[in-house]
Amino acid sequence: MIRRSISIALGSALIGIGSLAQAADYEVTVTNLTAGVHFTPLIVSVHTPEASMFNTGAQASTEMQAIAEGGDVSSMAALLESIDASVATGMGLIAPGGSETFAVSDSDSNTVLSLTGMLLPTNDGFVGLNSVALPTSKGQTVHFSARGYDAGTEANDEIIGSGAPGEAGFPAPPPLVATGLLGANGTGVNVEAEGFVTVHRGVLGDLDPEGGFSDINAAIHRWANPVAGVMVTRISGDDDDDDDDDTNGPSAVSELTGTVYSKTALEIFWEPAVSEDATVVNYEVKRNGELVETRDGRSFYENELEPDTEYTYDVRAIDSNGNAGEYQSVVLKTNS
């Protein structure tokens, strides 16, 4: 069954309609960090924490499939607007190194930010940021790194096609064709669709412009995560707290995910927390309830684990005032 987290939140989200007395406005600037990949027009939204455009490890919704395979954000925008989310959509393709700025607002119920857009050329790859915390003070700016994800709805054959959901092949709009860098007549990569959203492994490509197995240019279009930089600035609205005491701790980390590399090695990743009164300086990492690391980065790698064993990792932020955020958890199992 296709998971549609946004629709699940419809009932609770509608309760907050019209509750905009404490609304604040934000500017969201997205920069394409790749050297040869275009973003289709993006969709940026501030919505309830219960809603989500996508979830790793779960089937992509039909709305997410339309974005990931053809760059069509209209159905996702309609769904988000139906739950009173604040939605902004892009004006056109974002070229490598290019940026676009969006305007969105929060409310009592819409308190987290997400964005998506297709990665070209890929079959069903998309740039994504999932339910990250907003800055809490007027004039405050926070930065995020957005990864590339695979919707898992289409086999990554790396062949030019229609781009329509359910049809093989990726779209090749005129700006992409105009680069002269796409190949043609590829035989296709023999793979199957994953069936669920994953962190994208990147494309293969080849160096044969008139054949080979791929229509993607390996010298130009290959990429590694992260694929986008996101800058969020609160430009209006009263601060959440009128005094200068340091009782407000940082928010919880977001997008806590992990990758298992082998029988003994894995790595977890997260997006940064936000602190209203101070600067987030460290992240505490627990394994099975025991503190194993305090670090200032956004990932944690561990080796020498037991094969075929399940591990629970908890991560929380610590700010410069010594306040701690709530733990977020992810469960991973090493290979057997």
C-alpha atoms as a PDB file:
ATOM      1  CA  MET A   1       0.000   0.000   0.000  1.00  0.00           C
ATOM      2  CA  ILE A   2       1.389   3.401  -0.941  1.00  0.00           C
ATOM      3  CA  ARG A   3       2.134   5.469   2.137  1.00  0.00           C
ATOM      4  CA  ARG A   4       0.665   8.982   2.030  1.00  0.00           C
ATOM      5  CA  SER A   5       1.715  10.646   5.264  1.00  0.00           C
ATOM      6  CA  ILE A   6       0.304  14.006   4.218  1.00  0.00           C
ATOM      7  CA  SER A   7      -3.233  12.701   3.855  1.00  0.00           C
ATOM      8  CA  ILE A   8      -3.010  10.950   7.213  1.00  0.00           C
ATOM      9  CA  ALA A   9      -2.447  14.335   8.835  1.00  0.00           C
ATOM     10  CA  LEU A  10      -5.435  15.985   7.158  1.00  0.00           C
ATOM     11  CA  GLY A  11      -7.807  15.792  10.097  1.00  0.00           C
ATOM     12  CA  SER A  12      -5.419  17.226  12.665  1.00  0.00           C
ATOM     13  CA  ALA A  13      -4.071  19.885  10.319  1.00  0.00           C
ATOM     14  CA  LEU A  14      -7.486  21.312   9.557  1.00  0.00           C
ATOM     15  CA  ILE A  15      -7.979  22.093  13.229  1.00  0.00           C
ATOM     16  CA  GLY A  16      -5.347  24.810  12.895  1.00  0.00           C
ATOM     17  CA  ILE A  17      -6.847  26.548   9.869  1.00  0.00           C
ATOM     18  CA  GLY A  18      -7.093  30.266  10.443  1.00  0.00           C
ATOM     19  CA  SER A  19      -4.682  30.203  13.398  1.00  0.00           C
ATOM     20  CA  LEU A  20      -2.208  32.621  11.901  1.00  0.00           C
ATOM     21  CA  ALA A  21      -1.883  35.171  14.704  1.00  0.00           C
ATOM     22  CA  GLN A  22       1.674  34.104  15.454  1.00  0.00           C
ATOM     23  CA  ALA A  23       2.689  33.525  11.821  1.00  0.00           C
ATOM     24  CA  ALA A  24       6.223  34.345  10.733  1.00  0.00           C
ATOM     25  CA  ASP A  25       7.624  34.717   7.228  1.00  0.00           C
ATOM     26  CA  TYR A  26      10.717  32.984   5.874  1.00  0.00           C
ATOM     27  CA  GLU A  27      12.989  33.211   2.850  1.00  0.00           C
ATOM     28  CA  VAL A  28      14.296  29.861   1.637  1.00  0.00           C
ATOM     29  CA  THR A  29      17.212  29.933  -0.808  1.00  0.00           C
ATOM     30  CA  VAL A  30      18.123  26.655  -2.522  1.00  0.00           C
ATOM     31  CA  THR A  31      21.472  26.371  -4.324  1.00  0.00           C
ATOM     32  CA  ASN A  32      22.330  23.573  -6.745  1.00  0.00           C
ATOM     33  CA  LEU A  33      25.714  22.244  -5.585  1.00  0.00           C
ATOM     34  CA  THR A  34      26.250  19.809  -8.462  1.00  0.00           C
ATOM     35  CA  ALA A  35      28.483  20.330 -11.481  1.00  0.00           C
ATOM     36  CA  GLY A  36      26.186  18.846 -14.117  1.00  0.00           C
ATOM     37  CA  VAL A  37      22.714  18.083 -12.746  1.00  0.00           C
ATOM     38  CA  HIS A  38      19.621  20.272 -13.132  1.00  0.00           C
ATOM     39  CA  PHE A  39      16.767  20.536 -10.614  1.00  0.00           C
ATOM     40  CA  THR A  40      13.238  20.653 -12.006  1.00  0.00           C
ATOM     41  CA  PRO A  41      11.021  23.399 -10.528  1.00  0.00           C
ATOM     42  CA  LEU A  42      11.060  22.842  -6.770  1.00  0.00           C
ATOM     43  CA  ILE A  43       8.225  22.718  -4.272  1.00  0.00           C
ATOM     44  CA  VAL A  44       8.928  24.218  -0.837  1.00  0.00           C
ATOM     45  CA  SER A  45       6.446  23.901   2.021  1.00  0.00           C
ATOM     46  CA  VAL A  46       5.989  24.668   5.706  1.00  0.00           C
ATOM     47  CA  HIS A  47       3.581  22.077   7.116  1.00  0.00           C
ATOM     48  CA  THR A  48       2.622  20.116  10.219  1.00  0.00           C
ATOM     49  CA  PRO A  49       5.175  17.704  11.718  1.00  0.00           C
ATOM     50  CA  GLU A  50       2.738  14.854  11.100  1.00  0.00           C
ATOM     51  CA  ALA A  51       2.812  15.413   7.326  1.00  0.00           C
ATOM     52  CA  SER A  52       5.666  14.547   4.986  1.00  0.00           C
ATOM     53  CA  MET A  53       6.347  14.606   1.260  1.00  0.00           C
ATOM     54  CA  PHE A  54       8.427  11.430   1.464  1.00  0.00           C
ATOM     55  CA  ASN A  55       9.879   8.979   3.964  1.00  0.00           C
ATOM     56  CA  THR A  56      12.973   6.859   3.441  1.00  0.00           C
ATOM     57  CA  GLY A  57      12.209   3.150   3.636  1.00  0.00           C
ATOM     58  CA  ALA A  58       8.558   3.688   2.648  1.00  0.00           C
ATOM     59  CA  GLN A  59       6.820   3.546  -0.720  1.00  0.00           C
ATOM     60  CA  ALA A  60       6.622   6.878  -2.496  1.00  0.00           C
ATOM     61  CA  SER A  61       3.151   8.382  -2.853  1.00  0.00           C
ATOM     62  CA  THR A  62       1.698   9.013  -6.305  1.00  0.00           C
ATOM     63  CA  GLU A  63       2.360  12.732  -5.721  1.00  0.00           C
ATOM     64  CA  MET A  64       6.023  12.049  -4.971  1.00  0.00           C
ATOM     65  CA  GLN A  65       6.266   9.719  -7.971  1.00  0.00           C
ATOM     66  CA  ALA A  66       5.020  12.500 -10.257  1.00  0.00           C
ATOM     67  CA  ILE A  67       7.831  14.747  -9.005  1.00  0.00           C
ATOM     68  CA  ALA A  68      10.601  12.144  -9.053  1.00  0.00           C
ATOM     69  CA  GLU A  69       9.830  10.756 -12.534  1.00  0.00           C
ATOM     70  CA  GLY A  70       8.657  13.845 -14.381  1.00  0.00           C
ATOM     71  CA  GLY A  71       9.187  16.938 -12.253  1.00  0.00           C
ATOM     72  CA  ASP A  72       5.447  17.613 -11.877  1.00  0.00           C
ATOM     73  CA  VAL A  73       4.766  19.311  -8.513  1.00  0.00           C
ATOM     74  CA  SER A  74       1.109  20.185  -9.125  1.00  0.00           C
ATOM     75  CA  SER A  75      -0.475  17.206  -7.347  1.00  0.00           C
ATOM     76  CA  MET A  76       1.854  17.537  -4.347  1.00  0.00           C
ATOM     77  CA  ALA A  77       1.083  21.256  -4.127  1.00  0.00           C
ATOM     78  CA  ALA A  78      -2.657  20.550  -4.202  1.00  0.00           C
ATOM     79  CA  LEU A  79      -2.342  17.930  -1.481  1.00  0.00           C
ATOM     80  CA  LEU A  80      -0.299  20.216   0.761  1.00  0.00           C
ATOM     81  CA  GLU A  81      -2.654  23.129   0.238  1.00  0.00           C
ATOM     82  CA  SER A  82      -5.580  20.870   1.183  1.00  0.00           C
ATOM     83  CA  ILE A  83      -4.093  20.549   4.678  1.00  0.00           C
ATOM     84  CA  ASP A  84      -3.494  24.315   4.920  1.00  0.00           C
ATOM     85  CA  ALA A  85       0.265  24.093   4.444  1.00  0.00           C
ATOM     86  CA  SER A  86       2.227  27.088   3.162  1.00  0.00           C
ATOM     87  CA  VAL A  87       3.445  26.197  -0.346  1.00  0.00           C
ATOM     88  CA  ALA A  88       5.770  27.852  -2.874  1.00  0.00           C
ATOM     89  CA  THR A  89       6.814  26.422  -6.242  1.00  0.00           C
ATOM     90  CA  GLY A  90       9.724  27.225  -8.512  1.00  0.00           C
ATOM     91  CA  MET A  91       9.762  29.212 -11.731  1.00  0.00           C
ATOM     92  CA  GLY A  92      11.900  26.840 -13.809  1.00  0.00           C
ATOM     93  CA  LEU A  93      14.919  24.548 -13.919  1.00  0.00           C
ATOM     94  CA  ILE A  94      17.779  25.340 -11.538  1.00  0.00           C
ATOM     95  CA  ALA A  95      21.048  24.834 -13.391  1.00  0.00           C
ATOM     96  CA  PRO A  96      24.283  23.649 -11.770  1.00  0.00           C
ATOM     97  CA  GLY A  97      25.507  26.380  -9.449  1.00  0.00           C
ATOM     98  CA  GLY A  98      22.200  28.243  -9.708  1.00  0.00           C
ATOM     99  CA  SER A  99      19.904  29.336  -6.871  1.00  0.00           C
ATOM    100  CA  GLU A 100      16.275  30.265  -6.319  1.00  0.00           C
ATOM    101  CA  THR A 101      14.608  31.954  -3.342  1.00  0.00           C
ATOM    102  CA  PHE A 102      11.128  31.084  -2.068  1.00  0.00           C
ATOM    103  CA  ALA A 103       8.776  32.791   0.413  1.00  0.00           C
ATOM    104  CA  VAL A 104       6.781  30.700   2.920  1.00  0.00           C
ATOM    105  CA  SER A 105       5.103  31.266   6.288  1.00  0.00           C
ATOM    106  CA  ASP A 106       4.537  29.225   9.424  1.00  0.00           C
ATOM    107  CA  SER A 107       1.547  29.050  11.795  1.00  0.00           C
ATOM    108  CA  ASP A 108       0.660  27.452  15.114  1.00  0.00           C
ATOM    109  CA  SER A 109       0.316  24.072  13.376  1.00  0.00           C
ATOM    110  CA  ASN A 110       2.700  24.396  10.413  1.00  0.00           C
ATOM    111  CA  THR A 111       6.119  24.355  12.054  1.00  0.00           C
ATOM    112  CA  VAL A 112       8.536  22.348   9.853  1.00  0.00           C
ATOM    113  CA  LEU A 113       9.934  22.835   6.358  1.00  0.00           C
ATOM    114  CA  SER A 114      10.335  20.361   3.487  1.00  0.00           C
ATOM    115  CA  LEU A 115      11.267  20.626  -0.185  1.00  0.00           C
ATOM    116  CA  THR A 116      11.629  18.358  -3.207  1.00  0.00           C
ATOM    117  CA  GLY A 117      12.324  18.502  -6.936  1.00  0.00           C
ATOM    118  CA  MET A 118      13.517  16.061  -9.599  1.00  0.00           C
ATOM    119  CA  LEU A 119      17.193  15.567 -10.413  1.00  0.00           C
ATOM    120  CA  LEU A 120      17.943  15.586 -14.150  1.00  0.00           C
ATOM    121  CA  PRO A 121      19.195  13.396 -15.668  1.00  0.00           C
ATOM    122  CA  THR A 122      17.921  10.560 -13.446  1.00  0.00           C
ATOM    123  CA  ASN A 123      15.004   8.155 -13.794  1.00  0.00           C
ATOM    124  CA  ASP A 124      13.353   8.885 -10.438  1.00  0.00           C
ATOM    125  CA  GLY A 125      15.891  10.799  -8.401  1.00  0.00           C
ATOM    126  CA  PHE A 126      14.994  13.900  -6.426  1.00  0.00           C
ATOM    127  CA  VAL A 127      16.567  16.454  -4.125  1.00  0.00           C
ATOM    128  CA  GLY A 128      14.874  16.365  -0.744  1.00  0.00           C
ATOM    129  CA  LEU A 129      14.747  17.989   2.663  1.00  0.00           C
ATOM    130  CA  ASN A 130      12.311  16.375   5.070  1.00  0.00           C
ATOM    131  CA  SER A 131      10.615  18.202   7.983  1.00  0.00           C
ATOM    132  CA  VAL A 132      13.517  20.308   9.266  1.00  0.00           C
ATOM    133  CA  ALA A 133      13.232  22.854  12.070  1.00  0.00           C
ATOM    134  CA  LEU A 134      12.693  26.529  11.226  1.00  0.00           C
ATOM    135  CA  PRO A 135      14.740  29.375  12.746  1.00  0.00           C
ATOM    136  CA  THR A 136      13.005  30.752  15.811  1.00  0.00           C
ATOM    137  CA  SER A 137      14.173  34.382  15.985  1.00  0.00           C
ATOM    138  CA  LYS A 138      13.661  37.261  13.565  1.00  0.00           C
ATOM    139  CA  GLY A 139      16.781  37.707  11.444  1.00  0.00           C
ATOM    140  CA  GLN A 140      18.120  34.238  12.301  1.00  0.00           C
ATOM    141  CA  THR A 141      19.456  32.089   9.442  1.00  0.00           C
ATOM    142  CA  VAL A 142      19.996  28.333   9.487  1.00  0.00           C
ATOM    143  CA  HIS A 143      21.720  26.212   6.847  1.00  0.00           C
ATOM    144  CA  PHE A 144      20.913  22.692   5.690  1.00  0.00           C
ATOM    145  CA  SER A 145      22.411  20.247   3.212  1.00  0.00           C
ATOM    146  CA  ALA A 146      19.879  18.432   1.017  1.00  0.00           C
ATOM    147  CA  ARG A 147      20.595  14.944  -0.299  1.00  0.00           C
ATOM    148  CA  GLY A 148      19.585  13.215  -3.485  1.00  0.00           C
ATOM    149  CA  TYR A 149      17.007  10.457  -3.016  1.00  0.00           C
ATOM    150  CA  ASP A 150      15.690   7.651  -5.222  1.00  0.00           C
ATOM    151  CA  ALA A 151      11.893   7.332  -5.205  1.00  0.00           C
ATOM    152  CA  GLY A 152      12.169   3.617  -5.991  1.00  0.00           C
ATOM    153  CA  THR A 153       9.234   3.835  -8.410  1.00  0.00           C
ATOM    154  CA  GLU A 154      11.159   3.301 -11.652  1.00  0.00           C
ATOM    155  CA  ALA A 155      14.120   1.168 -12.677  1.00  0.00           C
ATOM    156  CA  ASN A 156      17.227   3.303 -13.171  1.00  0.00           C
ATOM    157  CA  ASP A 157      17.800   2.290 -16.794  1.00  0.00           C
ATOM    158  CA  GLU A 158      19.436   5.676 -17.566  1.00  0.00           C
ATOM    159  CA  ILE A 159      17.697   5.962 -20.945  1.00  0.00           C
ATOM    160  CA  ILE A 160      15.911   9.043 -22.287  1.00  0.00           C
ATOM    161  CA  GLY A 161      12.146   8.485 -22.270  1.00  0.00           C
ATOM    162  CA  SER A 162       8.850  10.249 -21.730  1.00  0.00           C
ATOM    163  CA  GLY A 163       9.231  11.071 -18.057  1.00  0.00           C
ATOM    164  CA  ALA A 164       5.595  10.156 -17.443  1.00  0.00           C
ATOM    165  CA  PRO A 165       4.937   8.255 -14.186  1.00  0.00           C
ATOM    166  CA  GLY A 166       4.931   4.519 -14.819  1.00  0.00           C
ATOM    167  CA  GLU A 167       6.786   4.835 -18.135  1.00  0.00           C
ATOM    168  CA  ALA A 168      10.461   3.962 -18.503  1.00  0.00           C
ATOM    169  CA  GLY A 169      13.081   6.589 -19.145  1.00  0.00           C
ATOM    170  CA  PHE A 170      13.902  10.087 -17.911  1.00  0.00           C
ATOM    171  CA  PRO A 171      12.690  13.333 -19.506  1.00  0.00           C
ATOM    172  CA  ALA A 172      15.057  15.504 -21.520  1.00  0.00           C
ATOM    173  CA  PRO A 173      13.674  19.070 -21.542  1.00  0.00           C
ATOM    174  CA  PRO A 174      15.140  21.586 -24.006  1.00  0.00           C
ATOM    175  CA  PRO A 175      17.545  23.256 -21.528  1.00  0.00           C
ATOM    176  CA  LEU A 176      19.080  19.879 -20.759  1.00  0.00           C
ATOM    177  CA  VAL A 177      19.265  18.881 -24.433  1.00  0.00           C
ATOM    178  CA  ALA A 178      20.799  22.254 -25.249  1.00  0.00           C
ATOM    179  CA  THR A 179      23.860  21.424 -23.192  1.00  0.00           C
ATOM    180  CA  GLY A 180      24.776  18.833 -25.841  1.00  0.00           C
ATOM    181  CA  LEU A 181      26.013  16.537 -23.113  1.00  0.00           C
ATOM    182  CA  LEU A 182      23.356  13.823 -23.146  1.00  0.00           C
ATOM    183  CA  GLY A 183      24.037  10.580 -24.989  1.00  0.00           C
ATOM    184  CA  ALA A 184      21.676   8.614 -27.236  1.00  0.00           C
ATOM    185  CA  ASN A 185      20.872   5.053 -28.282  1.00  0.00           C
ATOM    186  CA  GLY A 186      21.932   3.528 -24.978  1.00  0.00           C
ATOM    187  CA  THR A 187      20.945  -0.090 -24.389  1.00  0.00           C
ATOM    188  CA  GLY A 188      19.928   0.571 -20.783  1.00  0.00           C
ATOM    189  CA  VAL A 189      21.122  -0.519 -17.371  1.00  0.00           C
ATOM    190  CA  ASN A 190      19.552  -3.835 -16.390  1.00  0.00           C
ATOM    191  CA  VAL A 191      18.125  -3.064 -12.941  1.00  0.00           C
ATOM    192  CA  GLU A 192      14.806  -3.206 -11.100  1.00  0.00           C
ATOM    193  CA  ALA A 193      13.021  -0.495  -9.146  1.00  0.00           C
ATOM    194  CA  GLU A 194      13.679  -0.583  -5.411  1.00  0.00           C
ATOM    195  CA  GLY A 195      10.032  -0.176  -4.475  1.00  0.00           C
ATOM    196  CA  PHE A 196      10.724   2.299  -1.658  1.00  0.00           C
ATOM    197  CA  VAL A 197      12.495   5.618  -1.103  1.00  0.00           C
ATOM    198  CA  THR A 198      16.253   5.345  -0.536  1.00  0.00           C
ATOM    199  CA  VAL A 199      19.228   7.690  -0.413  1.00  0.00           C
ATOM    200  CA  HIS A 200      20.317   7.795  -4.068  1.00  0.00           C
ATOM    201  CA  ARG A 201      23.479   5.882  -4.994  1.00  0.00           C
ATOM    202  CA  GLY A 202      24.143   8.230  -7.892  1.00  0.00           C
ATOM    203  CA  VAL A 203      24.164   7.462 -11.608  1.00  0.00           C
ATOM    204  CA  LEU A 204      26.562   5.285 -13.602  1.00  0.00           C
ATOM    205  CA  GLY A 205      26.662   6.862 -17.045  1.00  0.00           C
ATOM    206  CA  ASP A 206      29.184   6.080 -19.795  1.00  0.00           C
ATOM    207  CA  LEU A 207      31.411   7.988 -22.204  1.00  0.00           C
ATOM    208  CA  ASP A 208      29.795   6.870 -25.482  1.00  0.00           C
ATOM    209  CA  PRO A 209      27.594   9.688 -26.860  1.00  0.00           C
ATOM    210  CA  GLU A 210      26.065   7.480 -29.576  1.00  0.00           C
ATOM    211  CA  GLY A 211      25.541   4.199 -27.748  1.00  0.00           C
ATOM    212  CA  GLY A 212      26.821   2.340 -24.726  1.00  0.00           C
ATOM    213  CA  PHE A 213      24.526   1.288 -21.910  1.00  0.00           C
ATOM    214  CA  SER A 214      23.507   4.766 -20.701  1.00  0.00           C
ATOM    215  CA  ASP A 215      22.346   8.092 -22.140  1.00  0.00           C
ATOM    216  CA  ILE A 216      23.943   9.843 -19.161  1.00  0.00           C
ATOM    217  CA  ASN A 217      27.415  11.329 -19.518  1.00  0.00           C
ATOM    218  CA  ALA A 218      29.603   9.844 -16.777  1.00  0.00           C
ATOM    219  CA  ALA A 219      32.101  12.708 -17.035  1.00  0.00           C
ATOM    220  CA  ILE A 220      29.463  15.389 -16.504  1.00  0.00           C
ATOM    221  CA  HIS A 221      26.354  14.055 -14.782  1.00  0.00           C
ATOM    222  CA  ARG A 222      27.713  11.893 -11.978  1.00  0.00           C
ATOM    223  CA  TRP A 223      27.247  13.407  -8.529  1.00  0.00           C
ATOM    224  CA  ALA A 224      27.625  12.713  -4.839  1.00  0.00           C
ATOM    225  CA  ASN A 225      25.588  13.843  -1.849  1.00  0.00           C
ATOM    226  CA  PRO A 226      24.728  16.456  -0.739  1.00  0.00           C
ATOM    227  CA  VAL A 227      23.297  17.967  -3.925  1.00  0.00           C
ATOM    228  CA  ALA A 228      21.888  21.238  -2.565  1.00  0.00           C
ATOM    229  CA  GLY A 229      22.549  23.878   0.030  1.00  0.00           C
ATOM    230  CA  VAL A 230      19.489  25.371   1.709  1.00  0.00           C
ATOM    231  CA  MET A 231      19.501  28.676   3.600  1.00  0.00           C
ATOM    232  CA  VAL A 232      16.409  29.541   5.664  1.00  0.00           C
ATOM    233  CA  THR A 233      16.030  33.050   7.110  1.00  0.00           C
ATOM    234  CA  ARG A 234      13.227  34.257   9.372  1.00  0.00           C
ATOM    235  CA  ILE A 235      12.397  37.710   8.055  1.00  0.00           C
ATOM    236  CA  SER A 236       9.341  38.690  10.125  1.00  0.00           C
ATOM    237  CA  GLY A 237       7.324  37.701  13.166  1.00  0.00           C
ATOM    238  CA  ASP A 238       7.914  38.154  16.870  1.00  0.00           C
ATOM    239  CA  ASP A 239      10.476  36.023  18.638  1.00  0.00           C
ATOM    240  CA  ASP A 240       9.048  32.972  20.350  1.00  0.00           C
ATOM    241  CA  ASP A 241      10.325  34.188  23.715  1.00  0.00           C
ATOM    242  CA  ASP A 242      10.351  37.757  25.035  1.00  0.00           C
ATOM    243  CA  ASP A 243      13.093  37.356  27.634  1.00  0.00           C
ATOM    244  CA  ASP A 244      16.744  36.547  27.405  1.00  0.00           C
ATOM    245  CA  ASP A 245      16.872  33.610  29.787  1.00  0.00           C
ATOM    246  CA  ASP A 246      18.502  30.498  28.423  1.00  0.00           C
ATOM    247  CA  THR A 247      15.757  28.044  29.289  1.00  0.00           C
ATOM    248  CA  ASN A 248      14.905  27.090  25.714  1.00  0.00           C
ATOM    249  CA  GLY A 249      16.931  24.139  24.497  1.00  0.00           C
ATOM    250  CA  PRO A 250      17.673  23.204  20.880  1.00  0.00           C
ATOM    251  CA  SER A 251      15.178  21.477  18.654  1.00  0.00           C
ATOM    252  CA  ALA A 252      15.439  17.798  17.838  1.00  0.00           C
ATOM    253  CA  VAL A 253      17.663  16.765  14.941  1.00  0.00           C
ATOM    254  CA  SER A 254      15.816  15.906  11.733  1.00  0.00           C
ATOM    255  CA  GLU A 255      16.253  13.359   8.935  1.00  0.00           C
ATOM    256  CA  LEU A 256      18.041  10.862  11.174  1.00  0.00           C
ATOM    257  CA  THR A 257      18.863   7.991   8.807  1.00  0.00           C
ATOM    258  CA  GLY A 258      21.557   5.375   8.440  1.00  0.00           C
ATOM    259  CA  THR A 259      23.449   3.202   5.968  1.00  0.00           C
ATOM    260  CA  VAL A 260      24.726  -0.305   6.677  1.00  0.00           C
ATOM    261  CA  TYR A 261      27.997  -0.956   4.845  1.00  0.00           C
ATOM    262  CA  SER A 262      28.886  -4.499   5.881  1.00  0.00           C
ATOM    263  CA  LYS A 263      28.612  -7.114   8.617  1.00  0.00           C
ATOM    264  CA  THR A 264      30.464  -4.839  11.021  1.00  0.00           C
ATOM    265  CA  ALA A 265      30.200  -1.251   9.764  1.00  0.00           C
ATOM    266  CA  LEU A 266      27.463   1.362   9.474  1.00  0.00           C
ATOM    267  CA  GLU A 267      26.966   5.114   9.540  1.00  0.00           C
ATOM    268  CA  ILE A 268      24.158   7.396  10.703  1.00  0.00           C
ATOM    269  CA  PHE A 269      23.370  10.871   9.363  1.00  0.00           C
ATOM    270  CA  TRP A 270      21.194  13.773  10.517  1.00  0.00           C
ATOM    271  CA  GLU A 271      20.295  17.346   9.701  1.00  0.00           C
ATOM    272  CA  PRO A 272      21.180  20.006  12.283  1.00  0.00           C
ATOM    273  CA  ALA A 273      19.057  21.150  15.193  1.00  0.00           C
ATOM    274  CA  VAL A 274      18.215  24.807  15.857  1.00  0.00           C
ATOM    275  CA  SER A 275      18.627  26.651  19.165  1.00  0.00           C
ATOM    276  CA  GLU A 276      16.701  29.869  19.882  1.00  0.00           C
ATOM    277  CA  ASP A 277      18.955  31.221  22.627  1.00  0.00           C
ATOM    278  CA  ALA A 278      22.382  29.876  21.697  1.00  0.00           C
ATOM    279  CA  THR A 279      24.472  28.007  19.153  1.00  0.00           C
ATOM    280  CA  VAL A 280      24.280  24.241  18.727  1.00  0.00           C
ATOM    281  CA  VAL A 281      27.789  23.040  19.491  1.00  0.00           C
ATOM    282  CA  ASN A 282      27.610  19.257  19.824  1.00  0.00           C
ATOM    283  CA  TYR A 283      25.545  16.156  19.197  1.00  0.00           C
ATOM    284  CA  GLU A 284      25.370  13.235  21.608  1.00  0.00           C
ATOM    285  CA  VAL A 285      25.155   9.758  20.077  1.00  0.00           C
ATOM    286  CA  LYS A 286      23.953   6.756  22.046  1.00  0.00           C
ATOM    287  CA  ARG A 287      24.106   3.116  20.960  1.00  0.00           C
ATOM    288  CA  ASN A 288      21.579   0.852  22.652  1.00  0.00           C
ATOM    289  CA  GLY A 289      21.152   3.420  25.411  1.00  0.00           C
ATOM    290  CA  GLU A 290      24.854   4.013  26.135  1.00  0.00           C
ATOM    291  CA  LEU A 291      26.668   7.229  25.197  1.00  0.00           C
ATOM    292  CA  VAL A 292      29.349   6.406  22.621  1.00  0.00           C
ATOM    293  CA  GLU A 293      30.238   9.765  21.076  1.00  0.00           C
ATOM    294  CA  THR A 294      29.878  13.536  21.448  1.00  0.00           C
ATOM    295  CA  ARG A 295      30.753  15.339  18.234  1.00  0.00           C
ATOM    296  CA  ASP A 296      30.168  18.564  16.311  1.00  0.00           C
ATOM    297  CA  GLY A 297      29.479  16.899  12.952  1.00  0.00           C
ATOM    298  CA  ARG A 298      26.312  15.524  11.396  1.00  0.00           C
ATOM    299  CA  SER A 299      27.263  11.881  10.962  1.00  0.00           C
ATOM    300  CA  PHE A 300      28.686   9.030  13.013  1.00  0.00           C
ATOM    301  CA  TYR A 301      30.567   6.024  11.590  1.00  0.00           C
ATOM    302  CA  GLU A 302      31.128   2.851  13.539  1.00  0.00           C
ATOM    303  CA  ASN A 303      33.061  -0.338  12.746  1.00  0.00           C
ATOM    304  CA  GLU A 304      33.791  -3.592  14.621  1.00  0.00           C
ATOM    305  CA  LEU A 305      30.128  -4.268  15.330  1.00  0.00           C
ATOM    306  CA  GLU A 306      28.555  -7.717  15.536  1.00  0.00           C
ATOM    307  CA  PRO A 307      27.187  -9.289  12.321  1.00  0.00           C
ATOM    308  CA  ASP A 308      23.440  -9.776  11.890  1.00  0.00           C
ATOM    309  CA  THR A 309      22.729  -7.594  14.924  1.00  0.00           C
ATOM    310  CA  GLU A 310      20.194  -4.823  15.432  1.00  0.00           C
ATOM    311  CA  TYR A 311      21.417  -1.545  16.936  1.00  0.00           C
ATOM    312  CA  THR A 312      19.406   1.448  18.136  1.00  0.00           C
ATOM    313  CA  TYR A 313      21.079   4.858  17.824  1.00  0.00           C
ATOM    314  CA  ASP A 314      19.777   7.977  19.611  1.00  0.00           C
ATOM    315  CA  VAL A 315      20.992  11.480  18.734  1.00  0.00           C
ATOM    316  CA  ARG A 316      20.312  14.809  20.450  1.00  0.00           C
ATOM    317  CA  ALA A 317      21.732  18.324  20.175  1.00  0.00           C
ATOM    318  CA  ILE A 318      23.551  20.309  22.879  1.00  0.00           C
ATOM    319  CA  ASP A 319      23.777  24.099  22.659  1.00  0.00           C
ATOM    320  CA  SER A 320      26.373  26.509  24.057  1.00  0.00           C
ATOM    321  CA  ASN A 321      24.191  27.157  27.134  1.00  0.00           C
ATOM    322  CA  GLY A 322      24.323  23.474  27.991  1.00  0.00           C
ATOM    323  CA  ASN A 323      20.703  22.837  27.075  1.00  0.00           C
ATOM    324  CA  ALA A 324      19.823  19.568  25.345  1.00  0.00           C
ATOM    325  CA  GLY A 325      17.221  18.750  22.725  1.00  0.00           C
ATOM    326  CA  GLU A 326      15.077  15.653  22.510  1.00  0.00           C
ATOM    327  CA  TYR A 327      16.591  12.392  21.356  1.00  0.00           C
ATOM    328  CA  GLN A 328      15.678  11.049  17.926  1.00  0.00           C
ATOM    329  CA  SER A 329      16.178   7.358  17.164  1.00  0.00           C
ATOM    330  CA  VAL A 330      17.028   5.112  14.215  1.00  0.00           C
ATOM    331  CA  VAL A 331      17.341   1.313  14.205  1.00  0.00           C
ATOM    332  CA  LEU A 332      19.854  -0.441  11.902  1.00  0.00           C
ATOM    333  CA  LYS A 333      20.823  -4.081  11.476  1.00  0.00           C
ATOM    334  CA  THR A 334      24.270  -5.159  10.301  1.00  0.00           C
ATOM    335  CA  ASN A 335      24.564  -7.602   7.418  1.00  0.00           C
ATOM    336  CA  SER A 336      24.652 -11.317   8.128  1.00  0.00           C
END
